[in-house]
N, C-alpha and C. Protein backbone atom coordinates (compact mmCIF):
# COMPACT_ATOMS: atom_id res chain seq x y z
N MET A 1 -63.52 103.45 -139.18
CA MET A 1 -62.44 103.30 -138.17
C MET A 1 -61.30 102.67 -138.96
N LEU A 2 -60.04 102.20 -138.68
CA LEU A 2 -59.15 101.06 -139.33
C LEU A 2 -58.68 99.70 -138.84
N LEU A 3 -59.45 99.06 -139.54
CA LEU A 3 -59.33 97.43 -139.38
C LEU A 3 -58.34 96.82 -139.74
N ILE A 4 -57.46 96.13 -139.10
CA ILE A 4 -56.46 95.67 -139.48
C ILE A 4 -56.61 93.78 -139.19
N ILE A 5 -56.50 93.16 -140.16
CA ILE A 5 -56.56 91.62 -140.48
C ILE A 5 -55.38 91.01 -140.43
N SER A 6 -54.96 90.24 -139.62
CA SER A 6 -53.88 89.30 -139.37
C SER A 6 -53.88 87.98 -139.36
N GLY A 7 -52.89 87.19 -139.64
CA GLY A 7 -53.24 85.63 -139.53
C GLY A 7 -52.08 85.06 -140.41
N PRO A 8 -51.98 83.69 -140.08
CA PRO A 8 -50.88 82.93 -140.62
C PRO A 8 -51.07 82.85 -142.03
N SER A 9 -50.46 82.49 -143.14
CA SER A 9 -50.34 81.98 -144.11
C SER A 9 -51.55 80.69 -144.16
N GLY A 10 -52.58 80.54 -145.10
CA GLY A 10 -53.70 79.63 -144.92
C GLY A 10 -54.98 79.79 -144.22
N SER A 11 -54.63 81.15 -143.25
CA SER A 11 -55.52 81.22 -142.30
C SER A 11 -56.94 81.56 -143.48
N GLY A 12 -56.80 82.19 -144.46
CA GLY A 12 -58.24 82.74 -145.43
C GLY A 12 -58.21 84.17 -145.23
N LYS A 13 -57.22 85.01 -144.92
CA LYS A 13 -57.15 86.38 -144.84
C LYS A 13 -57.86 86.98 -146.07
N GLY A 14 -57.09 86.63 -147.17
CA GLY A 14 -57.91 87.12 -148.77
C GLY A 14 -58.98 86.93 -148.83
N THR A 15 -59.34 85.64 -148.86
CA THR A 15 -61.11 85.45 -149.01
C THR A 15 -62.04 86.11 -148.19
N VAL A 16 -61.53 86.31 -146.86
CA VAL A 16 -62.29 87.00 -145.95
C VAL A 16 -62.55 88.30 -146.14
N THR A 17 -61.58 88.91 -146.62
CA THR A 17 -61.44 90.40 -146.62
C THR A 17 -61.76 90.79 -148.03
N LYS A 18 -62.33 89.94 -148.81
CA LYS A 18 -63.06 90.00 -150.46
C LYS A 18 -64.23 90.09 -150.15
N LYS A 19 -64.81 89.57 -148.84
CA LYS A 19 -66.23 89.88 -148.73
C LYS A 19 -66.93 90.68 -147.76
N LEU A 20 -65.73 91.54 -147.47
CA LEU A 20 -65.83 92.91 -146.61
C LEU A 20 -66.26 93.92 -147.45
N LEU A 21 -67.58 93.87 -147.70
CA LEU A 21 -68.00 94.69 -149.17
C LEU A 21 -68.06 96.20 -148.91
N PRO A 22 -68.09 97.16 -149.82
CA PRO A 22 -67.87 98.38 -149.94
C PRO A 22 -69.47 98.94 -149.52
N SER A 23 -70.58 98.13 -149.83
CA SER A 23 -72.09 98.38 -149.80
C SER A 23 -72.17 98.18 -148.02
N GLN A 24 -71.22 97.57 -147.15
CA GLN A 24 -71.62 97.59 -146.13
C GLN A 24 -70.68 98.67 -145.11
N GLY A 25 -69.96 99.56 -145.86
CA GLY A 25 -69.29 100.35 -145.59
C GLY A 25 -68.00 100.38 -145.18
N TYR A 26 -67.33 99.34 -146.29
CA TYR A 26 -65.74 98.91 -145.89
C TYR A 26 -65.07 99.47 -147.08
N ALA A 27 -64.09 99.98 -146.98
CA ALA A 27 -63.08 100.52 -148.05
C ALA A 27 -61.57 99.62 -147.55
N LEU A 28 -61.12 98.98 -148.89
CA LEU A 28 -60.03 98.21 -149.00
C LEU A 28 -58.66 99.09 -148.96
N SER A 29 -57.92 98.91 -147.82
CA SER A 29 -56.66 100.06 -148.04
C SER A 29 -55.76 99.68 -149.40
N ILE A 30 -55.64 100.57 -149.79
CA ILE A 30 -54.34 100.89 -150.97
C ILE A 30 -53.28 101.47 -150.81
N SER A 31 -52.16 100.25 -151.08
CA SER A 31 -50.63 100.76 -150.56
C SER A 31 -50.30 101.26 -151.85
N MET A 32 -48.92 102.14 -151.46
CA MET A 32 -48.06 102.76 -152.46
C MET A 32 -47.24 101.80 -152.62
N THR A 33 -46.78 101.82 -153.77
CA THR A 33 -45.50 100.68 -154.09
C THR A 33 -44.58 101.33 -155.45
N THR A 34 -43.23 100.90 -155.28
CA THR A 34 -42.59 101.35 -156.37
C THR A 34 -42.29 100.12 -157.53
N ARG A 35 -43.05 98.94 -157.48
CA ARG A 35 -43.35 97.90 -158.31
C ARG A 35 -43.64 98.41 -159.83
N GLN A 36 -43.53 97.73 -160.69
CA GLN A 36 -43.81 98.05 -162.17
C GLN A 36 -45.54 97.92 -161.87
N LYS A 37 -46.34 98.63 -162.94
CA LYS A 37 -47.53 98.25 -162.69
C LYS A 37 -47.95 96.85 -163.73
N ARG A 38 -48.93 96.17 -163.49
CA ARG A 38 -49.12 95.43 -164.50
C ARG A 38 -50.02 95.72 -165.32
N PRO A 39 -50.40 95.10 -166.46
CA PRO A 39 -51.21 95.54 -167.55
C PRO A 39 -52.53 95.86 -167.12
N GLU A 40 -53.02 94.77 -166.09
CA GLU A 40 -54.48 94.84 -165.80
C GLU A 40 -54.81 95.43 -164.64
N GLU A 41 -53.71 96.09 -163.94
CA GLU A 41 -53.75 96.91 -162.81
C GLU A 41 -54.15 98.63 -163.03
N ARG A 42 -54.52 99.08 -162.26
CA ARG A 42 -55.05 100.27 -162.14
C ARG A 42 -54.76 101.31 -160.88
N ASN A 43 -53.88 102.32 -161.57
CA ASN A 43 -53.26 103.13 -160.52
C ASN A 43 -54.65 103.93 -159.54
N GLY A 44 -54.40 103.65 -158.48
CA GLY A 44 -55.37 104.52 -157.19
C GLY A 44 -56.57 103.56 -156.98
N THR A 45 -56.38 102.25 -157.46
CA THR A 45 -57.41 101.17 -157.48
C THR A 45 -56.83 99.69 -156.86
N ASP A 46 -55.87 99.63 -157.28
CA ASP A 46 -54.91 98.47 -157.02
C ASP A 46 -53.79 98.42 -156.27
N TYR A 47 -53.13 99.97 -156.48
CA TYR A 47 -52.04 100.43 -156.04
C TYR A 47 -51.78 101.66 -156.37
N PHE A 48 -50.94 102.41 -155.47
CA PHE A 48 -50.97 104.01 -155.85
C PHE A 48 -49.42 103.58 -156.22
N PHE A 49 -49.17 103.41 -157.82
CA PHE A 49 -47.76 103.14 -158.05
C PHE A 49 -47.01 104.42 -158.03
N CYS A 50 -45.68 104.49 -157.77
CA CYS A 50 -44.82 105.79 -157.42
C CYS A 50 -43.46 105.58 -157.58
N THR A 51 -42.34 106.27 -157.89
CA THR A 51 -41.21 105.92 -158.19
C THR A 51 -40.37 106.11 -157.14
N PRO A 52 -39.27 105.66 -156.58
CA PRO A 52 -38.80 105.22 -155.11
C PRO A 52 -38.23 107.05 -154.57
N GLU A 53 -38.21 107.96 -155.58
CA GLU A 53 -37.98 109.09 -154.73
C GLU A 53 -39.14 109.56 -154.43
N GLU A 54 -40.48 109.40 -155.13
CA GLU A 54 -41.92 109.80 -154.56
C GLU A 54 -42.02 109.08 -153.04
N PHE A 55 -41.76 107.79 -153.30
CA PHE A 55 -41.83 106.70 -151.92
C PHE A 55 -41.32 107.47 -150.71
N HIS A 56 -39.63 107.69 -150.92
CA HIS A 56 -39.14 108.06 -149.94
C HIS A 56 -39.49 109.22 -149.43
N THR A 57 -40.03 110.22 -150.16
CA THR A 57 -40.70 111.78 -149.89
C THR A 57 -41.51 111.66 -148.85
N VAL A 58 -42.85 110.69 -149.24
CA VAL A 58 -44.05 110.48 -148.41
C VAL A 58 -43.39 109.75 -147.01
N ARG A 59 -42.53 108.62 -146.86
CA ARG A 59 -42.19 108.01 -146.01
C ARG A 59 -41.57 109.07 -144.93
N ASP A 60 -40.42 109.43 -145.54
CA ASP A 60 -39.51 110.59 -144.68
C ASP A 60 -40.49 111.75 -144.10
N ALA A 61 -41.66 112.05 -144.62
CA ALA A 61 -42.72 113.12 -144.09
C ALA A 61 -43.54 112.44 -143.01
N ASP A 62 -43.10 111.21 -142.67
CA ASP A 62 -43.94 110.35 -141.68
C ASP A 62 -45.51 110.16 -142.44
N GLY A 63 -45.61 109.92 -143.69
CA GLY A 63 -46.97 109.88 -144.25
C GLY A 63 -47.12 108.52 -144.64
N LEU A 64 -46.51 107.18 -143.95
CA LEU A 64 -47.03 106.06 -144.16
C LEU A 64 -47.02 105.38 -142.73
N LEU A 65 -48.35 104.43 -142.74
CA LEU A 65 -48.59 103.90 -141.33
C LEU A 65 -47.81 102.69 -141.00
N GLU A 66 -47.03 102.24 -142.12
CA GLU A 66 -46.08 101.36 -141.95
C GLU A 66 -45.57 101.10 -143.57
N HIS A 67 -44.46 100.49 -143.55
CA HIS A 67 -43.59 100.25 -144.98
C HIS A 67 -42.69 98.95 -144.67
N ALA A 68 -42.85 98.31 -146.00
CA ALA A 68 -41.68 97.18 -145.94
C ALA A 68 -41.03 97.15 -147.38
N THR A 69 -39.92 96.33 -147.60
CA THR A 69 -39.44 95.98 -148.76
C THR A 69 -39.49 94.59 -149.58
N PHE A 70 -40.20 94.10 -150.15
CA PHE A 70 -40.43 93.12 -150.92
C PHE A 70 -39.81 92.96 -152.14
N SER A 71 -38.72 91.72 -152.62
CA SER A 71 -37.96 91.89 -153.97
C SER A 71 -37.58 92.99 -154.64
N GLY A 72 -37.13 93.88 -153.69
CA GLY A 72 -36.43 94.91 -154.17
C GLY A 72 -37.30 96.29 -154.42
N ASN A 73 -38.59 96.12 -153.94
CA ASN A 73 -39.60 96.96 -154.36
C ASN A 73 -40.37 97.85 -153.09
N TYR A 74 -40.54 98.76 -152.75
CA TYR A 74 -41.05 99.28 -151.65
C TYR A 74 -42.54 99.52 -151.49
N TYR A 75 -43.21 99.23 -150.25
CA TYR A 75 -44.55 99.14 -149.96
C TYR A 75 -44.85 99.68 -148.74
N GLY A 76 -46.11 100.44 -148.93
CA GLY A 76 -46.44 101.17 -147.39
C GLY A 76 -48.02 101.70 -147.55
N THR A 77 -48.20 101.84 -146.47
CA THR A 77 -49.74 102.20 -146.51
C THR A 77 -49.80 103.83 -146.36
N PRO A 78 -50.39 104.45 -147.14
CA PRO A 78 -50.67 106.02 -147.02
C PRO A 78 -51.24 106.65 -145.94
N VAL A 79 -51.14 107.58 -144.95
CA VAL A 79 -51.79 108.11 -144.11
C VAL A 79 -53.13 108.62 -144.75
N SER A 80 -52.49 109.43 -145.66
CA SER A 80 -53.56 110.34 -146.25
C SER A 80 -54.87 109.54 -146.66
N TYR A 81 -54.84 108.35 -147.34
CA TYR A 81 -55.79 107.49 -148.28
C TYR A 81 -56.69 107.01 -146.81
N VAL A 82 -55.73 106.53 -145.97
CA VAL A 82 -56.42 106.00 -144.84
C VAL A 82 -57.77 106.90 -144.14
N ASN A 83 -56.87 108.21 -143.71
CA ASN A 83 -57.74 109.18 -142.80
C ASN A 83 -58.93 109.69 -143.84
N GLN A 84 -58.66 109.81 -145.32
CA GLN A 84 -59.60 110.51 -146.15
C GLN A 84 -60.98 109.14 -146.19
N GLN A 85 -60.82 108.37 -145.94
CA GLN A 85 -62.06 107.11 -146.18
C GLN A 85 -62.59 106.90 -144.61
N ILE A 86 -61.64 107.11 -143.67
CA ILE A 86 -62.55 107.19 -142.31
C ILE A 86 -63.20 108.41 -142.15
N ASN A 87 -62.65 109.65 -142.70
CA ASN A 87 -63.62 110.91 -142.52
C ASN A 87 -64.69 110.83 -143.41
N GLU A 88 -64.72 109.89 -144.37
CA GLU A 88 -66.22 109.65 -145.30
C GLU A 88 -67.07 108.82 -144.41
N GLY A 89 -66.66 108.24 -143.41
CA GLY A 89 -67.19 107.15 -142.54
C GLY A 89 -67.32 105.77 -143.10
N ARG A 90 -66.16 105.12 -143.64
CA ARG A 90 -65.73 104.12 -144.05
C ARG A 90 -64.95 103.28 -143.11
N THR A 91 -64.88 102.27 -142.71
CA THR A 91 -63.95 101.12 -142.25
C THR A 91 -63.23 100.78 -142.98
N VAL A 92 -61.72 101.40 -142.94
CA VAL A 92 -60.73 100.85 -144.00
C VAL A 92 -59.96 99.52 -143.27
N VAL A 93 -60.00 98.85 -144.40
CA VAL A 93 -59.56 97.15 -144.01
C VAL A 93 -58.09 97.30 -144.62
N LEU A 94 -57.28 96.79 -143.75
CA LEU A 94 -55.98 96.48 -143.94
C LEU A 94 -55.65 95.18 -143.55
N GLU A 95 -54.97 94.19 -144.57
CA GLU A 95 -54.92 93.06 -144.28
C GLU A 95 -53.28 92.86 -144.28
N ILE A 96 -52.56 92.59 -143.33
CA ILE A 96 -51.29 92.98 -143.28
C ILE A 96 -50.71 91.92 -142.26
N ASP A 97 -49.54 91.38 -142.17
CA ASP A 97 -48.77 90.73 -141.13
C ASP A 97 -48.69 91.26 -139.86
N VAL A 98 -48.46 90.28 -138.87
CA VAL A 98 -48.17 90.83 -137.35
C VAL A 98 -47.25 91.83 -137.11
N ILE A 99 -46.11 91.47 -137.61
CA ILE A 99 -45.04 92.94 -137.59
C ILE A 99 -45.67 93.96 -138.24
N GLY A 100 -46.33 94.14 -139.27
CA GLY A 100 -46.86 95.42 -139.74
C GLY A 100 -47.92 95.81 -139.13
N ALA A 101 -48.53 95.11 -138.65
CA ALA A 101 -50.11 95.41 -137.77
C ALA A 101 -49.39 95.99 -136.62
N LEU A 102 -48.58 95.59 -135.76
CA LEU A 102 -48.19 95.95 -134.65
C LEU A 102 -47.10 97.57 -134.90
N GLN A 103 -46.95 97.49 -135.83
CA GLN A 103 -46.16 98.98 -136.40
C GLN A 103 -47.46 100.15 -136.53
N VAL A 104 -48.60 99.74 -137.16
CA VAL A 104 -49.64 100.44 -137.50
C VAL A 104 -50.22 100.62 -136.12
N LYS A 105 -50.64 99.67 -135.20
CA LYS A 105 -50.93 100.06 -133.88
C LYS A 105 -50.14 101.03 -133.07
N SER A 106 -49.04 101.42 -133.46
CA SER A 106 -47.92 102.22 -132.45
C SER A 106 -48.43 103.47 -133.20
N LYS A 107 -48.61 103.59 -134.22
CA LYS A 107 -49.00 104.79 -135.03
C LYS A 107 -50.23 105.26 -135.10
N TYR A 108 -51.42 104.25 -134.89
CA TYR A 108 -52.60 104.48 -135.29
C TYR A 108 -53.37 103.91 -133.95
N PRO A 109 -53.42 104.12 -132.90
CA PRO A 109 -53.78 103.29 -131.54
C PRO A 109 -55.27 103.03 -131.83
N GLU A 110 -56.00 104.03 -132.31
CA GLU A 110 -57.64 103.58 -132.47
C GLU A 110 -57.81 102.44 -133.40
N ALA A 111 -56.85 101.81 -133.83
CA ALA A 111 -56.86 100.89 -135.02
C ALA A 111 -57.41 99.69 -134.29
N VAL A 112 -58.47 98.55 -134.86
CA VAL A 112 -59.08 97.58 -134.37
C VAL A 112 -57.92 96.17 -135.14
N LEU A 113 -57.52 95.44 -134.06
CA LEU A 113 -56.60 94.46 -134.44
C LEU A 113 -57.39 93.16 -134.47
N VAL A 114 -57.42 92.48 -135.60
CA VAL A 114 -58.13 91.15 -135.42
C VAL A 114 -57.39 89.82 -136.17
N PHE A 115 -57.32 88.94 -135.42
CA PHE A 115 -56.38 87.78 -135.62
C PHE A 115 -57.17 86.73 -135.99
N LEU A 116 -57.21 86.42 -137.39
CA LEU A 116 -57.68 85.14 -138.25
C LEU A 116 -56.88 83.87 -137.92
N MET A 117 -57.70 82.83 -137.75
CA MET A 117 -56.90 81.43 -137.49
C MET A 117 -57.93 80.50 -137.80
N PRO A 118 -57.46 79.22 -138.27
CA PRO A 118 -58.17 78.18 -138.57
C PRO A 118 -58.45 77.34 -137.16
N PRO A 119 -59.68 76.64 -137.13
CA PRO A 119 -59.80 76.10 -135.91
C PRO A 119 -58.82 75.03 -135.20
N THR A 120 -57.77 74.86 -136.04
CA THR A 120 -56.46 73.80 -135.47
C THR A 120 -55.29 74.11 -136.41
N PHE A 121 -54.30 73.50 -135.75
CA PHE A 121 -52.94 73.75 -136.55
C PHE A 121 -52.81 72.55 -137.64
N ARG A 122 -53.25 71.58 -137.02
CA ARG A 122 -53.40 70.45 -138.10
C ARG A 122 -54.28 70.91 -139.40
N GLU A 123 -55.51 71.76 -139.13
CA GLU A 123 -56.38 72.28 -140.34
C GLU A 123 -55.20 73.26 -141.08
N LEU A 124 -54.73 74.27 -140.20
CA LEU A 124 -53.56 75.15 -140.76
C LEU A 124 -52.96 74.53 -142.21
N ARG A 125 -52.12 73.15 -141.66
CA ARG A 125 -51.08 72.57 -142.36
C ARG A 125 -52.09 71.74 -143.54
N HIS A 126 -53.00 71.36 -143.30
CA HIS A 126 -53.86 70.80 -144.34
C HIS A 126 -53.93 72.07 -145.41
N ARG A 127 -54.62 73.03 -145.18
CA ARG A 127 -54.97 73.99 -146.02
C ARG A 127 -53.36 74.42 -146.83
N LEU A 128 -52.49 74.66 -146.21
CA LEU A 128 -51.27 74.87 -146.75
C LEU A 128 -50.81 73.96 -147.93
N GLU A 129 -50.98 72.69 -147.82
CA GLU A 129 -50.80 71.49 -148.43
C GLU A 129 -51.70 71.61 -149.47
N CYS A 130 -53.02 71.72 -149.26
CA CYS A 130 -53.82 71.81 -150.48
C CYS A 130 -53.65 72.97 -151.19
N ARG A 131 -53.26 74.08 -150.92
CA ARG A 131 -53.13 75.25 -152.09
C ARG A 131 -52.08 74.85 -152.94
N GLY A 132 -51.43 74.27 -152.98
CA GLY A 132 -50.75 73.56 -154.33
C GLY A 132 -49.93 74.55 -154.92
N THR A 133 -49.47 75.86 -153.97
CA THR A 133 -48.80 76.88 -154.74
C THR A 133 -47.45 77.14 -153.94
N GLU A 134 -46.89 76.14 -153.14
CA GLU A 134 -45.33 76.15 -152.33
C GLU A 134 -45.32 74.58 -152.35
N ASP A 135 -43.85 74.84 -152.26
CA ASP A 135 -43.23 73.26 -152.25
C ASP A 135 -43.01 72.92 -150.55
N GLU A 136 -42.73 71.63 -150.22
CA GLU A 136 -42.61 71.20 -148.75
C GLU A 136 -41.89 72.14 -148.39
N ASP A 137 -40.81 72.65 -148.58
CA ASP A 137 -39.65 73.35 -147.75
C ASP A 137 -40.57 74.62 -147.39
N GLU A 138 -41.34 75.26 -148.24
CA GLU A 138 -42.17 76.50 -148.08
C GLU A 138 -43.32 76.44 -147.06
N ILE A 139 -43.79 75.30 -147.17
CA ILE A 139 -44.97 74.80 -146.73
C ILE A 139 -44.63 74.94 -144.96
N GLU A 140 -43.13 74.01 -144.74
CA GLU A 140 -42.69 74.07 -143.39
C GLU A 140 -42.37 75.36 -142.62
N ARG A 141 -41.66 76.29 -143.46
CA ARG A 141 -41.46 77.48 -143.18
C ARG A 141 -42.72 78.47 -142.80
N ARG A 142 -43.93 78.29 -143.70
CA ARG A 142 -44.79 78.88 -143.33
C ARG A 142 -45.74 78.21 -142.01
N PHE A 143 -45.48 77.42 -141.88
CA PHE A 143 -45.98 76.51 -140.71
C PHE A 143 -45.39 76.86 -139.54
N ARG A 144 -44.08 76.99 -139.76
CA ARG A 144 -43.28 77.15 -138.41
C ARG A 144 -43.50 78.78 -138.07
N ARG A 145 -43.67 79.27 -138.92
CA ARG A 145 -43.50 80.77 -138.88
C ARG A 145 -45.30 81.14 -138.04
N ALA A 146 -46.01 80.19 -138.48
CA ALA A 146 -47.34 80.56 -137.80
C ALA A 146 -47.64 80.55 -136.18
N TRP A 147 -46.48 79.60 -135.73
CA TRP A 147 -46.40 79.62 -134.24
C TRP A 147 -45.98 80.64 -133.63
N ASP A 148 -45.09 81.31 -134.42
CA ASP A 148 -44.49 82.61 -133.57
C ASP A 148 -45.53 83.67 -134.11
N GLU A 149 -46.26 83.48 -134.90
CA GLU A 149 -47.46 84.82 -135.24
C GLU A 149 -48.64 84.61 -134.19
N VAL A 150 -48.73 83.36 -133.87
CA VAL A 150 -49.88 83.13 -132.97
C VAL A 150 -49.27 83.55 -131.40
N ALA A 151 -48.11 83.56 -131.32
CA ALA A 151 -47.52 83.80 -130.05
C ALA A 151 -47.73 85.58 -129.76
N MET A 152 -48.20 86.36 -130.70
CA MET A 152 -48.21 87.67 -130.40
C MET A 152 -50.07 87.81 -130.73
N LEU A 153 -50.61 87.00 -130.81
CA LEU A 153 -52.15 87.04 -130.52
C LEU A 153 -52.57 87.93 -129.09
N PRO A 154 -51.86 87.91 -127.80
CA PRO A 154 -52.51 88.87 -126.99
C PRO A 154 -52.18 90.27 -127.11
N LYS A 155 -51.72 90.64 -128.12
CA LYS A 155 -51.54 92.12 -128.56
C LYS A 155 -52.66 92.17 -129.15
N TYR A 156 -53.40 91.37 -129.96
CA TYR A 156 -54.61 91.87 -130.51
C TYR A 156 -55.95 92.09 -129.70
N ASP A 157 -56.83 92.86 -130.42
CA ASP A 157 -58.13 93.18 -129.81
C ASP A 157 -58.91 92.01 -130.11
N TYR A 158 -59.15 91.36 -131.15
CA TYR A 158 -60.11 89.94 -131.17
C TYR A 158 -59.43 89.01 -131.92
N LEU A 159 -60.20 87.73 -131.78
CA LEU A 159 -59.64 86.82 -132.27
C LEU A 159 -60.80 85.76 -133.06
N VAL A 160 -60.97 85.58 -134.28
CA VAL A 160 -61.70 85.08 -135.22
C VAL A 160 -61.09 83.76 -135.73
N ILE A 161 -62.10 82.97 -135.46
CA ILE A 161 -61.75 81.42 -135.64
C ILE A 161 -62.37 80.91 -137.31
N ASN A 162 -61.94 80.90 -138.41
CA ASN A 162 -62.38 80.84 -139.60
C ASN A 162 -62.50 79.20 -139.98
N ASP A 163 -63.34 78.75 -139.61
CA ASP A 163 -63.73 77.44 -139.86
C ASP A 163 -64.81 77.43 -140.77
N ALA A 164 -65.39 78.35 -141.01
CA ALA A 164 -66.38 78.55 -142.00
C ALA A 164 -66.25 80.07 -142.60
N ILE A 165 -66.09 80.32 -144.05
CA ILE A 165 -65.81 81.61 -144.46
C ILE A 165 -66.97 82.64 -143.90
N ASP A 166 -68.17 82.32 -144.38
CA ASP A 166 -69.40 82.98 -143.75
C ASP A 166 -69.37 83.58 -142.74
N GLN A 167 -69.53 82.51 -141.65
CA GLN A 167 -69.46 82.69 -140.23
C GLN A 167 -68.35 83.79 -139.93
N ALA A 168 -67.31 83.43 -140.35
CA ALA A 168 -66.10 84.33 -139.72
C ALA A 168 -66.07 85.95 -140.45
N VAL A 169 -66.61 86.06 -141.65
CA VAL A 169 -67.13 87.12 -142.28
C VAL A 169 -68.16 87.81 -141.17
N GLU A 170 -69.17 87.29 -140.81
CA GLU A 170 -70.55 87.84 -140.08
C GLU A 170 -69.76 88.12 -138.72
N ASP A 171 -68.44 87.65 -138.15
CA ASP A 171 -67.97 87.95 -136.81
C ASP A 171 -67.32 88.95 -136.98
N ILE A 172 -66.62 89.38 -137.94
CA ILE A 172 -66.19 90.48 -138.22
C ILE A 172 -67.09 91.72 -138.37
N ASN A 173 -68.09 91.51 -139.05
CA ASN A 173 -69.21 92.37 -139.15
C ASN A 173 -69.67 92.95 -137.50
N LEU A 174 -69.82 91.78 -136.76
CA LEU A 174 -70.30 91.88 -135.48
C LEU A 174 -69.34 92.79 -134.67
N ILE A 175 -67.77 92.38 -135.11
CA ILE A 175 -66.87 93.38 -134.07
C ILE A 175 -67.03 94.73 -134.71
N VAL A 176 -66.95 95.07 -136.07
CA VAL A 176 -67.21 96.42 -136.45
C VAL A 176 -68.24 97.23 -135.71
N SER A 177 -69.53 96.34 -135.62
CA SER A 177 -70.78 96.87 -135.45
C SER A 177 -70.62 97.30 -134.00
N ALA A 178 -70.17 96.34 -132.85
CA ALA A 178 -69.44 96.72 -131.53
C ALA A 178 -68.66 98.17 -131.29
N GLU A 179 -67.58 98.07 -132.35
CA GLU A 179 -66.57 98.79 -132.10
C GLU A 179 -67.22 100.34 -132.47
N ARG A 180 -68.07 100.40 -133.21
CA ARG A 180 -68.98 101.56 -133.54
C ARG A 180 -69.75 102.14 -132.69
N LEU A 181 -70.02 101.36 -131.56
CA LEU A 181 -71.14 101.83 -130.53
C LEU A 181 -70.37 102.08 -129.07
N LYS A 182 -68.94 102.04 -129.63
CA LYS A 182 -68.21 102.56 -128.03
C LYS A 182 -68.18 103.76 -128.16
N PRO A 183 -68.14 104.49 -126.69
CA PRO A 183 -67.98 105.94 -126.63
C PRO A 183 -67.18 106.95 -127.20
N ARG A 184 -65.98 106.51 -127.04
CA ARG A 184 -64.95 107.01 -127.49
C ARG A 184 -64.81 106.80 -129.28
N ARG A 185 -65.89 106.05 -129.81
CA ARG A 185 -66.10 106.86 -131.32
C ARG A 185 -67.19 107.37 -131.41
N SER A 186 -68.06 108.07 -130.46
CA SER A 186 -69.00 108.54 -130.74
C SER A 186 -69.12 110.06 -130.11
N SER A 187 -67.96 110.57 -130.25
CA SER A 187 -68.08 112.00 -129.73
C SER A 187 -68.66 113.15 -130.61
N GLY A 188 -68.76 112.81 -131.68
CA GLY A 188 -69.89 113.60 -132.73
C GLY A 188 -71.24 113.50 -132.20
N LYS A 189 -71.76 112.35 -131.94
CA LYS A 189 -73.02 112.38 -131.65
C LYS A 189 -73.41 112.63 -130.32
N ILE A 190 -72.45 112.48 -129.62
CA ILE A 190 -72.57 112.71 -128.05
C ILE A 190 -72.49 114.60 -127.73
N ASN A 191 -71.40 115.27 -128.58
CA ASN A 191 -72.16 116.89 -128.92
C ASN A 191 -73.09 116.71 -129.42
N HIS A 192 -73.43 116.41 -130.33
CA HIS A 192 -74.63 116.48 -131.12
C HIS A 192 -75.89 116.45 -129.94
N PHE A 193 -75.80 115.67 -129.10
CA PHE A 193 -76.95 115.27 -128.23
C PHE A 193 -76.83 116.54 -127.00
N HIS A 194 -75.69 116.75 -126.82
CA HIS A 194 -75.48 117.68 -125.60
C HIS A 194 -75.65 119.31 -126.27
N ASP A 195 -75.68 119.28 -127.54
CA ASP A 195 -76.20 120.62 -128.00
C ASP A 195 -77.94 120.63 -128.09
N ASN A 196 -78.38 119.64 -128.39
CA ASN A 196 -79.87 119.53 -128.60
C ASN A 196 -80.26 119.58 -126.94
N ILE A 197 -79.76 119.11 -126.09
CA ILE A 197 -80.00 119.21 -124.78
C ILE A 197 -79.94 120.79 -124.38
N ASN A 198 -78.83 121.76 -124.70
CA ASN A 198 -78.66 122.74 -124.22
C ASN A 198 -79.64 123.79 -124.92
N GLY A 199 -79.95 123.16 -126.00
CA GLY A 199 -81.14 123.91 -126.93
C GLY A 199 -82.63 123.92 -126.78
N MET A 200 -82.96 123.22 -125.48
CA MET A 200 -84.46 122.83 -125.32
C MET A 200 -84.84 124.03 -124.26
């Protein structure tokens, strides 16, 4: 399945996502991008690096679940990679903002949307201030944006409160386990069961 994790800055999306391990059947989504590859990055592992022309070709062929522009560079989630991983039985994890998540959901209705939040807005503010990576104006901007993002919560399938990282990861594992048991995701097993009944 496709698992989308969203949440405001400071919710811990990156930390939680990194704990969803390949050994548990997860595969992190890899984006296409037109930005320059950094020395430590590997094509096909960190990103699919491409030219603007290649990006536009894939986009125009409806080959991206979502796409956006940051600092003059294009980014997008390739449909082919997501489908390949899902067909191989993996849960593809896409960490993305609310707007992108709803864009993906409109194209891929089977996607499971999880919204990650700290226990309180006061804690969210505290986490933003403790990161030390933004100035006061940027912290304020991100904090105000968090209210707008939370307003989109009813469009999500699940809410996970990230009070403790390990518990948040376990909650997501439980969500994935429950989703895998839904009949609409088990058509192959149902057909196999039906064939065995007919063969008796």
